[in-house]
Amino acid sequence: MRSAVVTDAGDRIRWAELPGRGPVRVYLHGLGASSAPYFAGVVAHPLLAGHRSLLMDLLGHGISDRPEGFAYTLEGHADAVAGALVAAGVEGAEVVAHSMGGSVAVVLAARHPRLVSRLVLVDANLDPMAPRSGAGGSSGIAAYPEEEFLAGGWREVRDRVGAHWWATMRLAGREAVHRSAVNLVEGTVPTVRELLLGLGIPRTFLLPEADGPLCGADGLVASGVDVVAVPDCGHNIMLDNPEAFVRATAAALMG
């Protein structure tokens, strides 16, 4: 395990690191998750192994610190990751990022372009959405006022998300989960989609084939984003169909 101080208060991001050749690859998880449980199996696959790889936990998640005073905006997450990458001596990383982590990765590439050379976004959030009471995922979490979520709303979320997601969500700070969800559904200005369209680096977007056509796919493709549908999986593509995920990711990283 390695770490770096990323806030003025001394809070640390931590990551598991695999040695290897360049370019460096950085893996970022989604809301309430942790990178090692979601990515370790695929990173070890022969098609992806051999590169220096950082399985990084966003601030407030996994093995990273959980500051209660941090805002957990997408920009804040991105700047914290940037601080960790600088401390690790990383530039021009290939970033593979899932769900909310994909949103953070796009913001990271826009705000700190020298740190990112390529993006593989795994069913990432590109657009703002409305909070929706009782829904699963970020929109349901964001529907709670923070005080209500901290006072016990998190238990309702625990029961809705199920044992698999809760296995990592329970490790995250409750302020981190709620504020990250609120900021994710609110999005950024410009939007994450608009930031992605404006990037001049290789970009690939993986989505579950069963979800049907990606909203706004034509615009993404026109801007140079490769949109790849992966069969036999849900949102957690790397867990549901690791072989197909590895093949699609390896192709994106070699393209």
C-alpha atoms as a PDB file:
ATOM      1  CA  MET A   1       0.000   0.000   0.000  1.00  0.00           C
ATOM      2  CA  ARG A   2       1.186   3.513  -0.840  1.00  0.00           C
ATOM      3  CA  SER A   3      -0.222   6.916   0.040  1.00  0.00           C
ATOM      4  CA  ALA A   4       0.050  10.647  -0.532  1.00  0.00           C
ATOM      5  CA  VAL A   5      -1.204  13.711   1.326  1.00  0.00           C
ATOM      6  CA  VAL A   6      -3.756  15.446  -0.911  1.00  0.00           C
ATOM      7  CA  THR A   7      -5.378  18.138   1.272  1.00  0.00           C
ATOM      8  CA  ASP A   8      -4.107  21.018   3.359  1.00  0.00           C
ATOM      9  CA  ALA A   9      -5.462  19.187   6.400  1.00  0.00           C
ATOM     10  CA  GLY A  10      -3.131  16.255   5.748  1.00  0.00           C
ATOM     11  CA  ASP A  11      -5.698  13.766   4.425  1.00  0.00           C
ATOM     12  CA  ARG A  12      -4.241  10.875   2.450  1.00  0.00           C
ATOM     13  CA  ILE A  13      -5.275   8.989  -0.643  1.00  0.00           C
ATOM     14  CA  ARG A  14      -4.029   5.397  -0.629  1.00  0.00           C
ATOM     15  CA  TRP A  15      -3.611   2.829  -3.352  1.00  0.00           C
ATOM     16  CA  ALA A  16      -2.371  -0.664  -4.088  1.00  0.00           C
ATOM     17  CA  GLU A  17       0.423  -0.599  -6.658  1.00  0.00           C
ATOM     18  CA  LEU A  18       1.661  -3.296  -9.025  1.00  0.00           C
ATOM     19  CA  PRO A  19       5.134  -2.771 -10.501  1.00  0.00           C
ATOM     20  CA  GLY A  20       5.771  -2.921 -14.218  1.00  0.00           C
ATOM     21  CA  ARG A  21       6.558  -0.981 -17.342  1.00  0.00           C
ATOM     22  CA  GLY A  22       5.030   2.213 -18.623  1.00  0.00           C
ATOM     23  CA  PRO A  23       2.779   3.803 -19.477  1.00  0.00           C
ATOM     24  CA  VAL A  24       1.393   3.838 -15.978  1.00  0.00           C
ATOM     25  CA  ARG A  25      -2.206   2.704 -15.600  1.00  0.00           C
ATOM     26  CA  VAL A  26      -4.519   4.144 -12.959  1.00  0.00           C
ATOM     27  CA  TYR A  27      -7.756   2.416 -11.969  1.00  0.00           C
ATOM     28  CA  LEU A  28     -10.560   4.386 -10.309  1.00  0.00           C
ATOM     29  CA  HIS A  29     -13.694   2.894  -8.737  1.00  0.00           C
ATOM     30  CA  GLY A  30     -17.251   4.172  -8.525  1.00  0.00           C
ATOM     31  CA  LEU A  31     -19.405   5.599  -5.751  1.00  0.00           C
ATOM     32  CA  GLY A  32     -19.164   3.632  -2.516  1.00  0.00           C
ATOM     33  CA  ALA A  33     -16.664   1.212  -4.012  1.00  0.00           C
ATOM     34  CA  SER A  34     -12.929   0.498  -3.779  1.00  0.00           C
ATOM     35  CA  SER A  35     -10.510  -0.148  -6.613  1.00  0.00           C
ATOM     36  CA  ALA A  36      -8.829  -3.365  -5.509  1.00  0.00           C
ATOM     37  CA  PRO A  37     -12.035  -5.426  -5.083  1.00  0.00           C
ATOM     38  CA  TYR A  38     -13.367  -4.208  -8.427  1.00  0.00           C
ATOM     39  CA  PHE A  39     -10.217  -4.273 -10.539  1.00  0.00           C
ATOM     40  CA  ALA A  40      -7.595  -6.618  -9.049  1.00  0.00           C
ATOM     41  CA  GLY A  41      -8.799  -9.670 -10.961  1.00  0.00           C
ATOM     42  CA  VAL A  42      -8.753  -8.012 -14.372  1.00  0.00           C
ATOM     43  CA  VAL A  43      -5.485  -6.133 -13.778  1.00  0.00           C
ATOM     44  CA  ALA A  44      -3.794  -9.491 -13.228  1.00  0.00           C
ATOM     45  CA  HIS A  45      -5.074 -10.859 -16.548  1.00  0.00           C
ATOM     46  CA  PRO A  46      -2.246 -11.520 -19.048  1.00  0.00           C
ATOM     47  CA  LEU A  47      -3.720  -9.024 -21.517  1.00  0.00           C
ATOM     48  CA  LEU A  48      -3.492  -6.190 -18.960  1.00  0.00           C
ATOM     49  CA  ALA A  49      -0.666  -7.306 -16.653  1.00  0.00           C
ATOM     50  CA  GLY A  50       2.915  -6.038 -16.817  1.00  0.00           C
ATOM     51  CA  HIS A  51       2.291  -2.301 -16.505  1.00  0.00           C
ATOM     52  CA  ARG A  52       2.869  -0.229 -13.408  1.00  0.00           C
ATOM     53  CA  SER A  53      -0.709  -0.057 -12.124  1.00  0.00           C
ATOM     54  CA  LEU A  54      -2.189   2.046  -9.329  1.00  0.00           C
ATOM     55  CA  LEU A  55      -5.492   0.772  -7.922  1.00  0.00           C
ATOM     56  CA  MET A  56      -6.437   4.020  -6.233  1.00  0.00           C
ATOM     57  CA  ASP A  57      -9.193   4.679  -3.710  1.00  0.00           C
ATOM     58  CA  LEU A  58     -10.871   8.071  -3.958  1.00  0.00           C
ATOM     59  CA  LEU A  59     -10.836  10.238  -0.878  1.00  0.00           C
ATOM     60  CA  GLY A  60     -13.536   9.084   1.531  1.00  0.00           C
ATOM     61  CA  HIS A  61     -13.546   5.548   0.117  1.00  0.00           C
ATOM     62  CA  GLY A  62     -11.840   2.226   0.708  1.00  0.00           C
ATOM     63  CA  ILE A  63      -8.433   2.547   2.375  1.00  0.00           C
ATOM     64  CA  SER A  64      -8.157   6.306   1.811  1.00  0.00           C
ATOM     65  CA  ASP A  65      -8.896   8.847   4.539  1.00  0.00           C
ATOM     66  CA  ARG A  66     -12.498   9.958   5.137  1.00  0.00           C
ATOM     67  CA  PRO A  67     -12.380  13.665   5.986  1.00  0.00           C
ATOM     68  CA  GLU A  68     -15.729  14.967   7.211  1.00  0.00           C
ATOM     69  CA  GLY A  69     -14.941  18.509   6.073  1.00  0.00           C
ATOM     70  CA  PHE A  70     -14.188  17.671   2.428  1.00  0.00           C
ATOM     71  CA  ALA A  71     -16.821  18.751  -0.129  1.00  0.00           C
ATOM     72  CA  TYR A  72     -16.496  15.611  -2.327  1.00  0.00           C
ATOM     73  CA  THR A  73     -17.228  17.464  -5.550  1.00  0.00           C
ATOM     74  CA  LEU A  74     -16.098  15.876  -8.794  1.00  0.00           C
ATOM     75  CA  GLU A  75     -13.515  18.635  -9.089  1.00  0.00           C
ATOM     76  CA  GLY A  76     -12.336  18.012  -5.529  1.00  0.00           C
ATOM     77  CA  HIS A  77     -11.995  14.291  -6.164  1.00  0.00           C
ATOM     78  CA  ALA A  78     -10.100  14.987  -9.398  1.00  0.00           C
ATOM     79  CA  ASP A  79      -7.703  17.417  -7.761  1.00  0.00           C
ATOM     80  CA  ALA A  80      -7.051  14.951  -4.935  1.00  0.00           C
ATOM     81  CA  VAL A  81      -6.249  12.210  -7.448  1.00  0.00           C
ATOM     82  CA  ALA A  82      -3.984  14.651  -9.272  1.00  0.00           C
ATOM     83  CA  GLY A  83      -2.107  15.342  -6.045  1.00  0.00           C
ATOM     84  CA  ALA A  84      -1.617  11.623  -5.489  1.00  0.00           C
ATOM     85  CA  LEU A  85      -0.368  11.095  -9.048  1.00  0.00           C
ATOM     86  CA  VAL A  86       2.115  13.950  -8.764  1.00  0.00           C
ATOM     87  CA  ALA A  87       3.376  12.522  -5.474  1.00  0.00           C
ATOM     88  CA  ALA A  88       3.749   9.117  -7.158  1.00  0.00           C
ATOM     89  CA  GLY A  89       5.732  10.631 -10.015  1.00  0.00           C
ATOM     90  CA  VAL A  90       3.075   9.786 -12.587  1.00  0.00           C
ATOM     91  CA  GLU A  91       2.454  11.713 -15.802  1.00  0.00           C
ATOM     92  CA  GLY A  92       0.610  10.666 -18.952  1.00  0.00           C
ATOM     93  CA  ALA A  93      -1.306   7.884 -17.225  1.00  0.00           C
ATOM     94  CA  GLU A  94      -3.807   5.613 -18.929  1.00  0.00           C
ATOM     95  CA  VAL A  95      -6.860   5.892 -16.684  1.00  0.00           C
ATOM     96  CA  VAL A  96      -9.442   3.118 -16.496  1.00  0.00           C
ATOM     97  CA  ALA A  97     -12.390   4.331 -14.459  1.00  0.00           C
ATOM     98  CA  HIS A  98     -15.794   2.954 -13.511  1.00  0.00           C
ATOM     99  CA  SER A  99     -19.085   4.801 -12.958  1.00  0.00           C
ATOM    100  CA  MET A 100     -18.486   7.885 -10.764  1.00  0.00           C
ATOM    101  CA  GLY A 101     -14.766   7.236 -11.098  1.00  0.00           C
ATOM    102  CA  GLY A 102     -15.197   7.764 -14.827  1.00  0.00           C
ATOM    103  CA  SER A 103     -16.714  11.186 -14.183  1.00  0.00           C
ATOM    104  CA  VAL A 104     -13.780  12.011 -11.911  1.00  0.00           C
ATOM    105  CA  ALA A 105     -11.364  10.788 -14.591  1.00  0.00           C
ATOM    106  CA  VAL A 106     -12.863  13.086 -17.234  1.00  0.00           C
ATOM    107  CA  VAL A 107     -12.598  16.066 -14.879  1.00  0.00           C
ATOM    108  CA  LEU A 108      -9.047  15.010 -14.008  1.00  0.00           C
ATOM    109  CA  ALA A 109      -8.058  14.938 -17.684  1.00  0.00           C
ATOM    110  CA  ALA A 110      -9.651  18.352 -18.289  1.00  0.00           C
ATOM    111  CA  ARG A 111      -8.104  20.039 -15.237  1.00  0.00           C
ATOM    112  CA  HIS A 112      -4.722  18.288 -15.254  1.00  0.00           C
ATOM    113  CA  PRO A 113      -4.051  17.344 -18.876  1.00  0.00           C
ATOM    114  CA  ARG A 114      -0.392  16.407 -18.440  1.00  0.00           C
ATOM    115  CA  LEU A 115      -1.373  13.664 -16.016  1.00  0.00           C
ATOM    116  CA  VAL A 116      -3.666  11.722 -18.390  1.00  0.00           C
ATOM    117  CA  SER A 117      -2.818  10.321 -21.833  1.00  0.00           C
ATOM    118  CA  ARG A 118      -5.809   8.026 -22.407  1.00  0.00           C
ATOM    119  CA  LEU A 119      -9.218   7.276 -20.904  1.00  0.00           C
ATOM    120  CA  VAL A 120     -11.223   4.064 -20.711  1.00  0.00           C
ATOM    121  CA  LEU A 121     -14.570   4.917 -19.131  1.00  0.00           C
ATOM    122  CA  VAL A 122     -16.598   2.010 -17.799  1.00  0.00           C
ATOM    123  CA  ASP A 123     -20.315   2.887 -17.841  1.00  0.00           C
ATOM    124  CA  ALA A 124     -19.457   6.329 -16.490  1.00  0.00           C
ATOM    125  CA  ASN A 125     -21.883   9.095 -15.526  1.00  0.00           C
ATOM    126  CA  LEU A 126     -21.784  11.845 -18.180  1.00  0.00           C
ATOM    127  CA  ASP A 127     -24.904  13.907 -17.503  1.00  0.00           C
ATOM    128  CA  PRO A 128     -26.694  15.473 -14.532  1.00  0.00           C
ATOM    129  CA  MET A 129     -29.706  13.583 -13.239  1.00  0.00           C
ATOM    130  CA  ALA A 130     -32.561  14.235 -10.858  1.00  0.00           C
ATOM    131  CA  PRO A 131     -32.454  12.858  -7.303  1.00  0.00           C
ATOM    132  CA  ARG A 132     -35.148  10.225  -6.964  1.00  0.00           C
ATOM    133  CA  SER A 133     -36.357   8.992  -3.581  1.00  0.00           C
ATOM    134  CA  GLY A 134     -36.210   5.224  -3.224  1.00  0.00           C
ATOM    135  CA  ALA A 135     -34.077   4.695  -6.313  1.00  0.00           C
ATOM    136  CA  GLY A 136     -30.926   2.659  -6.328  1.00  0.00           C
ATOM    137  CA  GLY A 137     -27.551   4.244  -6.862  1.00  0.00           C
ATOM    138  CA  SER A 138     -26.517   7.866  -6.657  1.00  0.00           C
ATOM    139  CA  SER A 139     -29.932   9.393  -7.450  1.00  0.00           C
ATOM    140  CA  GLY A 140     -31.528   7.594  -4.503  1.00  0.00           C
ATOM    141  CA  ILE A 141     -28.734   8.567  -2.112  1.00  0.00           C
ATOM    142  CA  ALA A 142     -28.812  12.189  -3.282  1.00  0.00           C
ATOM    143  CA  ALA A 143     -32.549  12.387  -2.553  1.00  0.00           C
ATOM    144  CA  TYR A 144     -31.824  12.434   1.196  1.00  0.00           C
ATOM    145  CA  PRO A 145     -30.889  15.668   2.955  1.00  0.00           C
ATOM    146  CA  GLU A 146     -27.440  15.067   4.426  1.00  0.00           C
ATOM    147  CA  GLU A 147     -28.664  15.191   8.029  1.00  0.00           C
ATOM    148  CA  GLU A 148     -31.332  12.581   7.290  1.00  0.00           C
ATOM    149  CA  PHE A 149     -28.861  10.316   5.507  1.00  0.00           C
ATOM    150  CA  LEU A 150     -26.369  10.482   8.376  1.00  0.00           C
ATOM    151  CA  ALA A 151     -29.081  10.000  11.001  1.00  0.00           C
ATOM    152  CA  GLY A 152     -30.264   6.718   9.548  1.00  0.00           C
ATOM    153  CA  GLY A 153     -31.080   7.054   5.880  1.00  0.00           C
ATOM    154  CA  TRP A 154     -27.894   5.165   5.161  1.00  0.00           C
ATOM    155  CA  ARG A 155     -29.536   2.055   6.645  1.00  0.00           C
ATOM    156  CA  GLU A 156     -32.299   2.250   4.035  1.00  0.00           C
ATOM    157  CA  VAL A 157     -29.641   2.598   1.339  1.00  0.00           C
ATOM    158  CA  ARG A 158     -27.800  -0.388   2.775  1.00  0.00           C
ATOM    159  CA  ASP A 159     -30.902  -2.513   2.495  1.00  0.00           C
ATOM    160  CA  ARG A 160     -31.593  -1.351  -1.072  1.00  0.00           C
ATOM    161  CA  VAL A 161     -28.105  -1.745  -2.537  1.00  0.00           C
ATOM    162  CA  GLY A 162     -27.595  -5.320  -1.360  1.00  0.00           C
ATOM    163  CA  ALA A 163     -24.704  -7.203   0.181  1.00  0.00           C
ATOM    164  CA  HIS A 164     -22.328  -6.924  -2.770  1.00  0.00           C
ATOM    165  CA  TRP A 165     -22.226  -3.125  -3.037  1.00  0.00           C
ATOM    166  CA  TRP A 166     -22.555  -2.697   0.717  1.00  0.00           C
ATOM    167  CA  ALA A 167     -19.371  -4.736   1.207  1.00  0.00           C
ATOM    168  CA  THR A 168     -17.386  -1.714   0.010  1.00  0.00           C
ATOM    169  CA  MET A 169     -19.886   1.075   0.692  1.00  0.00           C
ATOM    170  CA  ARG A 170     -19.727   0.306   4.421  1.00  0.00           C
ATOM    171  CA  LEU A 171     -16.007   1.175   4.325  1.00  0.00           C
ATOM    172  CA  ALA A 172     -16.654   4.660   2.938  1.00  0.00           C
ATOM    173  CA  GLY A 173     -17.327   7.718   5.063  1.00  0.00           C
ATOM    174  CA  ARG A 174     -21.034   8.454   5.207  1.00  0.00           C
ATOM    175  CA  GLU A 175     -20.452  12.114   4.438  1.00  0.00           C
ATOM    176  CA  ALA A 176     -18.306  10.989   1.505  1.00  0.00           C
ATOM    177  CA  VAL A 177     -21.005   8.729   0.085  1.00  0.00           C
ATOM    178  CA  HIS A 178     -23.760  11.308   0.414  1.00  0.00           C
ATOM    179  CA  ARG A 179     -21.839  14.355  -0.814  1.00  0.00           C
ATOM    180  CA  SER A 180     -20.269  12.392  -3.668  1.00  0.00           C
ATOM    181  CA  ALA A 181     -23.724  11.238  -4.767  1.00  0.00           C
ATOM    182  CA  VAL A 182     -25.185  14.747  -4.555  1.00  0.00           C
ATOM    183  CA  ASN A 183     -22.324  16.219  -6.572  1.00  0.00           C
ATOM    184  CA  LEU A 184     -22.433  13.385  -9.086  1.00  0.00           C
ATOM    185  CA  VAL A 185     -26.109  13.888  -9.897  1.00  0.00           C
ATOM    186  CA  GLU A 186     -25.647  17.667 -10.042  1.00  0.00           C
ATOM    187  CA  GLY A 187     -22.690  17.250 -12.381  1.00  0.00           C
ATOM    188  CA  THR A 188     -20.244  19.942 -13.436  1.00  0.00           C
ATOM    189  CA  VAL A 189     -20.277  23.119 -15.520  1.00  0.00           C
ATOM    190  CA  PRO A 190     -19.515  22.416 -18.338  1.00  0.00           C
ATOM    191  CA  THR A 191     -21.036  18.942 -17.982  1.00  0.00           C
ATOM    192  CA  VAL A 192     -18.859  15.850 -17.842  1.00  0.00           C
ATOM    193  CA  ARG A 193     -20.115  14.960 -21.324  1.00  0.00           C
ATOM    194  CA  GLU A 194     -19.050  18.355 -22.664  1.00  0.00           C
ATOM    195  CA  LEU A 195     -15.649  18.024 -21.028  1.00  0.00           C
ATOM    196  CA  LEU A 196     -15.243  14.570 -22.556  1.00  0.00           C
ATOM    197  CA  LEU A 197     -16.149  15.845 -26.012  1.00  0.00           C
ATOM    198  CA  GLY A 198     -13.466  18.507 -25.740  1.00  0.00           C
ATOM    199  CA  LEU A 199     -10.575  16.252 -24.763  1.00  0.00           C
ATOM    200  CA  GLY A 200      -7.912  15.592 -27.378  1.00  0.00           C
ATOM    201  CA  ILE A 201      -6.724  12.225 -26.069  1.00  0.00           C
ATOM    202  CA  PRO A 202      -7.815   8.690 -27.004  1.00  0.00           C
ATOM    203  CA  ARG A 203     -11.105   7.919 -25.256  1.00  0.00           C
ATOM    204  CA  THR A 204     -13.182   4.755 -25.048  1.00  0.00           C
ATOM    205  CA  PHE A 205     -16.584   4.303 -23.399  1.00  0.00           C
ATOM    206  CA  LEU A 206     -17.622   0.776 -22.388  1.00  0.00           C
ATOM    207  CA  LEU A 207     -21.271   0.063 -21.634  1.00  0.00           C
ATOM    208  CA  PRO A 208     -23.402  -3.042 -21.069  1.00  0.00           C
ATOM    209  CA  GLU A 209     -24.824  -4.267 -24.360  1.00  0.00           C
ATOM    210  CA  ALA A 210     -28.143  -5.012 -22.651  1.00  0.00           C
ATOM    211  CA  ASP A 211     -28.631  -1.315 -21.845  1.00  0.00           C
ATOM    212  CA  GLY A 212     -29.178  -0.589 -25.510  1.00  0.00           C
ATOM    213  CA  PRO A 213     -27.754   2.379 -27.423  1.00  0.00           C
ATOM    214  CA  LEU A 214     -25.850   4.877 -25.300  1.00  0.00           C
ATOM    215  CA  CYS A 215     -27.594   8.235 -25.005  1.00  0.00           C
ATOM    216  CA  GLY A 216     -25.744  10.747 -27.152  1.00  0.00           C
ATOM    217  CA  ALA A 217     -23.491   8.096 -28.674  1.00  0.00           C
ATOM    218  CA  ASP A 218     -23.465   9.779 -32.087  1.00  0.00           C
ATOM    219  CA  GLY A 219     -22.004  12.946 -30.624  1.00  0.00           C
ATOM    220  CA  LEU A 220     -19.369  11.010 -28.727  1.00  0.00           C
ATOM    221  CA  VAL A 221     -18.362   9.037 -31.807  1.00  0.00           C
ATOM    222  CA  ALA A 222     -18.222  12.206 -33.888  1.00  0.00           C
ATOM    223  CA  SER A 223     -15.752  13.673 -31.389  1.00  0.00           C
ATOM    224  CA  GLY A 224     -13.533  10.588 -31.556  1.00  0.00           C
ATOM    225  CA  VAL A 225     -14.797   8.568 -28.595  1.00  0.00           C
ATOM    226  CA  ASP A 226     -14.936   4.816 -29.259  1.00  0.00           C
ATOM    227  CA  VAL A 227     -18.218   3.474 -27.856  1.00  0.00           C
ATOM    228  CA  VAL A 228     -18.039  -0.263 -27.167  1.00  0.00           C
ATOM    229  CA  ALA A 229     -20.959  -2.429 -26.026  1.00  0.00           C
ATOM    230  CA  VAL A 230     -19.913  -5.359 -23.831  1.00  0.00           C
ATOM    231  CA  PRO A 231     -22.165  -8.452 -23.779  1.00  0.00           C
ATOM    232  CA  ASP A 232     -23.476 -10.456 -20.836  1.00  0.00           C
ATOM    233  CA  CYS A 233     -22.961  -7.903 -18.096  1.00  0.00           C
ATOM    234  CA  GLY A 234     -24.572  -5.225 -16.016  1.00  0.00           C
ATOM    235  CA  HIS A 235     -23.140  -1.981 -14.661  1.00  0.00           C
ATOM    236  CA  ASN A 236     -20.168  -3.735 -13.030  1.00  0.00           C
ATOM    237  CA  ILE A 237     -18.725  -4.909 -16.316  1.00  0.00           C
ATOM    238  CA  MET A 238     -15.340  -5.948 -14.911  1.00  0.00           C
ATOM    239  CA  LEU A 239     -17.011  -8.234 -12.374  1.00  0.00           C
ATOM    240  CA  ASP A 240     -19.902  -9.548 -14.474  1.00  0.00           C
ATOM    241  CA  ASN A 241     -17.906 -10.470 -17.579  1.00  0.00           C
ATOM    242  CA  PRO A 242     -14.198 -10.079 -16.823  1.00  0.00           C
ATOM    243  CA  GLU A 243     -12.985 -11.769 -20.015  1.00  0.00           C
ATOM    244  CA  ALA A 244     -14.975  -9.465 -22.268  1.00  0.00           C
ATOM    245  CA  PHE A 245     -13.985  -6.473 -20.144  1.00  0.00           C
ATOM    246  CA  VAL A 246     -10.295  -7.349 -20.439  1.00  0.00           C
ATOM    247  CA  ARG A 247     -10.506  -7.810 -24.191  1.00  0.00           C
ATOM    248  CA  ALA A 248     -12.309  -4.501 -24.696  1.00  0.00           C
ATOM    249  CA  THR A 249     -10.010  -2.615 -22.330  1.00  0.00           C
ATOM    250  CA  ALA A 250      -6.832  -4.097 -23.810  1.00  0.00           C
ATOM    251  CA  ALA A 251      -8.000  -3.144 -27.290  1.00  0.00           C
ATOM    252  CA  ALA A 252      -8.762   0.395 -26.114  1.00  0.00           C
ATOM    253  CA  LEU A 253      -5.357   0.769 -24.477  1.00  0.00           C
ATOM    254  CA  MET A 254      -3.507  -0.518 -27.526  1.00  0.00           C
ATOM    255  CA  GLY A 255      -5.557   1.465 -30.041  1.00  0.00           C
END
